[in-house]
Structures are given as C-alpha cells and as structure tokens.
N, C-alpha and C. Protein backbone atom coordinates (compact mmCIF):
# COMPACT_ATOMS: atom_id res chain seq x y z
N UNK A 1 0.90 -1.09 -0.09
CA UNK A 1 0.17 0.04 0.05
C UNK A 1 0.79 1.27 -0.10
N UNK A 2 2.06 1.15 0.78
CA UNK A 2 2.81 2.49 0.84
C UNK A 2 3.45 2.69 -0.46
N UNK A 3 3.90 1.61 -1.12
CA UNK A 3 4.42 2.05 -2.38
C UNK A 3 3.37 2.33 -3.52
N UNK A 4 2.17 1.99 -3.56
CA UNK A 4 1.19 2.36 -4.34
C UNK A 4 0.72 3.92 -4.10
N UNK A 5 0.72 4.20 -2.89
CA UNK A 5 0.37 5.67 -2.46
C UNK A 5 1.74 6.47 -3.01
N UNK A 6 2.74 6.01 -2.99
CA UNK A 6 3.89 6.90 -3.48
C UNK A 6 3.61 7.03 -5.00
N UNK A 7 3.59 5.85 -5.57
CA UNK A 7 3.49 6.04 -6.92
C UNK A 7 2.07 6.97 -7.62
N UNK A 8 1.11 6.79 -6.94
CA UNK A 8 -0.10 7.49 -7.28
C UNK A 8 0.22 8.94 -6.85
N UNK A 9 0.78 9.39 -5.96
CA UNK A 9 1.26 10.83 -5.46
C UNK A 9 1.97 11.35 -6.47
N UNK A 10 3.00 10.62 -6.99
CA UNK A 10 3.85 11.25 -7.99
C UNK A 10 3.31 11.42 -9.23
N UNK A 11 2.42 10.43 -9.69
CA UNK A 11 1.79 10.68 -10.81
C UNK A 11 0.75 11.83 -10.95
N UNK A 12 0.12 12.15 -9.82
CA UNK A 12 -0.98 13.29 -9.51
C UNK A 12 0.04 14.47 -9.73
N UNK A 13 1.27 14.65 -9.24
CA UNK A 13 1.81 15.77 -9.28
C UNK A 13 2.60 15.93 -10.67
N UNK A 14 2.49 15.12 -11.46
CA UNK A 14 3.07 15.06 -12.96
C UNK A 14 1.95 15.84 -13.43
N UNK A 15 0.58 15.30 -13.32
CA UNK A 15 -0.42 15.53 -14.32
C UNK A 15 -1.32 16.77 -13.82
N UNK A 16 -1.10 17.25 -12.59
CA UNK A 16 -2.05 18.33 -11.87
C UNK A 16 -1.91 19.62 -12.92
N UNK A 17 -3.02 20.16 -12.96
CA UNK A 17 -3.05 21.37 -13.47
C UNK A 17 -2.20 22.66 -12.87
N UNK A 18 -1.13 23.14 -13.61
CA UNK A 18 -0.29 23.99 -12.91
C UNK A 18 -0.83 25.38 -12.69
N UNK A 19 -2.10 25.75 -13.35
CA UNK A 19 -2.45 27.17 -13.00
C UNK A 19 -3.51 27.09 -11.87
N UNK A 20 -3.70 25.87 -11.16
CA UNK A 20 -4.76 25.78 -10.09
C UNK A 20 -4.21 25.36 -8.90
N UNK A 21 -4.31 25.92 -7.53
CA UNK A 21 -3.92 25.55 -6.49
C UNK A 21 -4.61 23.99 -6.28
N UNK A 22 -3.87 23.50 -5.21
CA UNK A 22 -4.32 22.13 -4.96
C UNK A 22 -3.59 22.03 -3.33
N UNK A 23 -4.07 20.75 -2.94
CA UNK A 23 -3.55 20.20 -1.67
C UNK A 23 -3.22 18.65 -1.73
N UNK A 24 -2.17 18.20 -1.23
CA UNK A 24 -2.03 16.85 -1.42
C UNK A 24 -1.75 16.28 0.05
N UNK A 25 -2.35 15.42 0.50
CA UNK A 25 -2.11 14.72 1.62
C UNK A 25 -2.03 13.19 1.33
N UNK A 26 -0.55 12.77 1.87
CA UNK A 26 -0.22 11.53 1.60
C UNK A 26 0.14 10.62 2.82
N UNK A 27 -0.67 9.52 3.07
CA UNK A 27 -0.14 8.53 4.19
C UNK A 27 0.71 7.52 3.47
N UNK A 28 1.88 7.58 3.94
CA UNK A 28 3.09 6.55 3.36
C UNK A 28 2.69 5.13 4.06
N UNK A 29 2.43 5.07 5.19
CA UNK A 29 2.35 3.81 5.82
C UNK A 29 0.59 3.52 6.11
N UNK A 30 0.31 2.38 5.68
CA UNK A 30 -1.20 1.98 6.22
C UNK A 30 -1.48 1.88 7.53
N UNK A 31 -2.25 3.02 7.99
CA UNK A 31 -2.45 3.17 9.55
C UNK A 31 -2.76 1.71 10.10
N UNK A 32 -2.18 1.43 11.06
CA UNK A 32 -2.50 0.13 12.00
C UNK A 32 -2.95 -0.99 10.90
N UNK A 33 -2.16 -1.13 9.88
CA UNK A 33 -2.68 -2.24 9.02
C UNK A 33 -2.52 -3.62 9.65
N UNK A 34 -1.71 -3.87 10.64
CA UNK A 34 -1.60 -5.17 11.12
C UNK A 34 -1.65 -4.94 12.66
N UNK A 35 -2.61 -4.59 13.10
CA UNK A 35 -3.03 -4.32 14.70
C UNK A 35 -2.54 -5.84 15.37
N UNK A 36 -1.85 -5.45 16.41
CA UNK A 36 -1.21 -6.47 17.39
C UNK A 36 0.03 -7.21 16.84
N UNK A 37 0.65 -6.55 15.76
CA UNK A 37 1.82 -6.96 15.28
C UNK A 37 2.75 -5.88 15.49
N UNK A 38 3.90 -6.15 16.05
CA UNK A 38 4.91 -4.96 16.22
C UNK A 38 5.65 -4.53 14.97
N UNK A 39 5.46 -5.48 13.95
CA UNK A 39 6.08 -5.32 12.57
C UNK A 39 5.58 -3.99 11.73
N UNK A 40 4.40 -3.66 12.08
CA UNK A 40 3.84 -2.46 11.85
C UNK A 40 4.20 -1.13 12.01
N UNK A 41 5.12 -1.15 13.20
CA UNK A 41 5.97 0.05 13.18
C UNK A 41 7.24 0.22 12.87
N UNK A 42 7.90 -0.76 12.17
CA UNK A 42 9.15 -0.83 11.66
C UNK A 42 9.00 -0.15 10.31
N UNK A 43 10.20 0.60 10.00
CA UNK A 43 10.27 1.18 8.70
C UNK A 43 9.94 0.35 7.49
N UNK A 44 9.78 0.59 6.31
CA UNK A 44 9.78 -0.18 5.02
C UNK A 44 10.91 -0.82 4.82
N UNK A 45 11.09 -1.90 4.21
CA UNK A 45 12.38 -2.46 3.92
C UNK A 45 13.54 -1.73 3.15
N UNK A 46 12.91 -1.10 2.14
CA UNK A 46 13.70 -0.15 1.40
C UNK A 46 14.53 0.97 2.34
N UNK A 47 14.05 1.42 3.32
CA UNK A 47 14.43 2.63 4.25
C UNK A 47 15.00 2.00 5.53
N UNK A 48 15.24 0.62 5.57
CA UNK A 48 15.55 0.04 7.00
C UNK A 48 17.21 0.70 7.16
N UNK A 49 17.99 0.93 6.30
CA UNK A 49 19.39 1.35 6.37
C UNK A 49 19.41 2.65 7.08
N UNK A 50 18.48 3.42 6.83
CA UNK A 50 18.38 4.75 7.30
C UNK A 50 18.31 4.81 8.91
N UNK A 51 17.78 3.64 9.54
CA UNK A 51 17.77 3.79 10.69
C UNK A 51 18.67 2.97 11.60
N UNK A 52 19.74 2.43 10.92
CA UNK A 52 20.63 1.65 11.62
C UNK A 52 21.33 2.29 12.95
N UNK A 53 21.37 1.85 13.83
CA UNK A 53 22.05 2.58 15.08
C UNK A 53 21.10 3.72 15.71
N UNK A 54 19.93 3.68 15.27
CA UNK A 54 18.91 4.83 15.75
C UNK A 54 18.25 4.40 17.00
N UNK A 55 17.80 5.06 17.94
CA UNK A 55 16.97 4.70 18.67
C UNK A 55 16.15 5.99 18.96
N UNK A 56 14.68 5.68 19.41
CA UNK A 56 13.45 6.76 19.39
C UNK A 56 13.44 6.68 21.14
N UNK A 57 13.79 7.88 21.63
CA UNK A 57 13.47 8.20 23.13
C UNK A 57 11.98 7.96 23.53
N UNK A 58 11.76 7.68 24.50
CA UNK A 58 10.40 7.93 25.16
C UNK A 58 9.90 9.24 25.32
N UNK A 59 8.91 9.58 24.97
CA UNK A 59 8.13 10.58 25.23
C UNK A 59 8.11 11.28 26.55
N UNK A 60 8.46 12.42 26.76
CA UNK A 60 8.30 12.87 28.08
C UNK A 60 7.21 12.70 28.99
N UNK A 61 6.02 12.82 28.16
CA UNK A 61 4.80 12.44 28.62
C UNK A 61 4.53 10.87 28.92
N UNK A 62 5.42 10.06 28.60
CA UNK A 62 5.13 8.54 28.93
C UNK A 62 5.53 8.16 30.34
N UNK A 63 4.53 8.70 31.18
CA UNK A 63 4.80 8.56 32.60
C UNK A 63 3.40 8.11 33.10
N UNK A 64 3.26 7.50 34.27
CA UNK A 64 2.11 7.04 35.08
C UNK A 64 1.43 8.54 35.61
N UNK A 65 2.14 9.53 35.69
CA UNK A 65 1.47 10.78 36.14
C UNK A 65 1.08 11.35 35.10
N UNK A 66 1.36 11.45 33.69
CA UNK A 66 0.73 11.75 32.67
C UNK A 66 -0.62 11.05 32.42
N UNK A 67 -0.61 9.64 32.56
CA UNK A 67 -1.52 8.83 32.22
C UNK A 67 -2.94 9.10 33.31
N UNK A 68 -2.39 9.39 34.55
CA UNK A 68 -3.41 9.47 35.38
C UNK A 68 -4.28 10.97 35.18
N UNK A 69 -3.86 11.68 34.67
CA UNK A 69 -4.61 13.05 34.11
C UNK A 69 -5.24 12.91 32.80
N UNK A 70 -5.35 11.59 32.21
CA UNK A 70 -5.90 11.71 30.92
C UNK A 70 -7.46 11.78 30.86
N UNK A 71 -8.21 12.18 29.88
CA UNK A 71 -9.47 12.08 30.20
C UNK A 71 -10.08 10.73 30.50
N UNK A 72 -11.29 10.59 31.27
CA UNK A 72 -11.90 9.40 31.64
C UNK A 72 -12.01 8.33 30.59
N UNK A 73 -12.21 8.65 29.30
CA UNK A 73 -12.18 7.61 28.35
C UNK A 73 -11.04 6.83 27.81
N UNK A 74 -10.12 7.55 28.27
CA UNK A 74 -8.73 6.72 28.29
C UNK A 74 -8.67 5.82 29.35
N UNK A 75 -8.98 4.35 29.10
CA UNK A 75 -8.92 3.46 30.01
C UNK A 75 -8.00 2.57 29.64
N UNK A 76 -7.62 1.34 30.48
CA UNK A 76 -6.53 0.41 30.03
C UNK A 76 -7.17 -0.59 28.79
N UNK A 77 -8.73 -0.41 28.81
CA UNK A 77 -9.12 -0.85 27.55
C UNK A 77 -9.26 -0.33 26.45
N UNK A 78 -8.94 1.14 26.35
CA UNK A 78 -8.87 1.83 25.21
C UNK A 78 -7.90 1.34 24.10
N UNK A 79 -8.26 1.23 22.90
CA UNK A 79 -7.40 0.79 21.82
C UNK A 79 -6.15 1.54 21.66
N UNK A 80 -6.35 3.14 22.00
CA UNK A 80 -5.07 3.86 21.81
C UNK A 80 -4.04 3.24 23.05
N UNK A 81 -4.67 2.86 24.18
CA UNK A 81 -3.73 2.48 25.29
C UNK A 81 -3.16 1.28 24.97
N UNK A 82 -4.13 0.23 24.29
CA UNK A 82 -3.29 -1.12 23.81
C UNK A 82 -2.23 -0.86 22.89
N UNK A 83 -2.30 -0.19 22.02
CA UNK A 83 -1.35 0.26 20.98
C UNK A 83 -0.24 0.81 21.80
N UNK A 84 -0.23 1.71 22.85
CA UNK A 84 0.75 2.55 23.34
C UNK A 84 1.63 1.42 24.22
N UNK A 85 0.93 0.39 24.70
CA UNK A 85 1.77 -0.79 25.62
C UNK A 85 2.52 -1.59 24.32
C-alpha cells in the first residue's frame, strides 16, 4: 500500500493543472494495517538502512503521572492505550 501511495502521488503531481491551487496529503504507511503486530511500526524494507543504530527516546509524557490526568475515556481497555503498550 505504501508503494502504491507513493506512485499515485507522484503521478498526480506530474498531471495536475499548474494554474490551479491544490492540496495533497499522503499517508505512506497503511495506518494500523496489522494491529497487534510490532512489525507495523518498523520502517519499510527499502528504508531500513536509514535507521541503523538509531533509537527513539520515550516521550516525556510517557509517565504514570501523565496517564493519570488523561480524560476519563482513556482506560486500560482503550485501543489507543493498547497500542501504546
């Protein structure tokens, strides 16, 4: 899906009318395409080499204190919380 989005976007940019404004939003990764699989968060195979020896730090808000002040609908059963874990 990512590769198809790339190709379609490039094709649109080639064909679009140059005398008219436009807006293009592209999602390169299929959002949560494989729920419950850690593989969905890894870069695409062609770009893996860009991330060798890189680490992503935890967000400053990834604390129990921050969790405790979230709105009431953010429960442990909330899908966003499941994905965060």
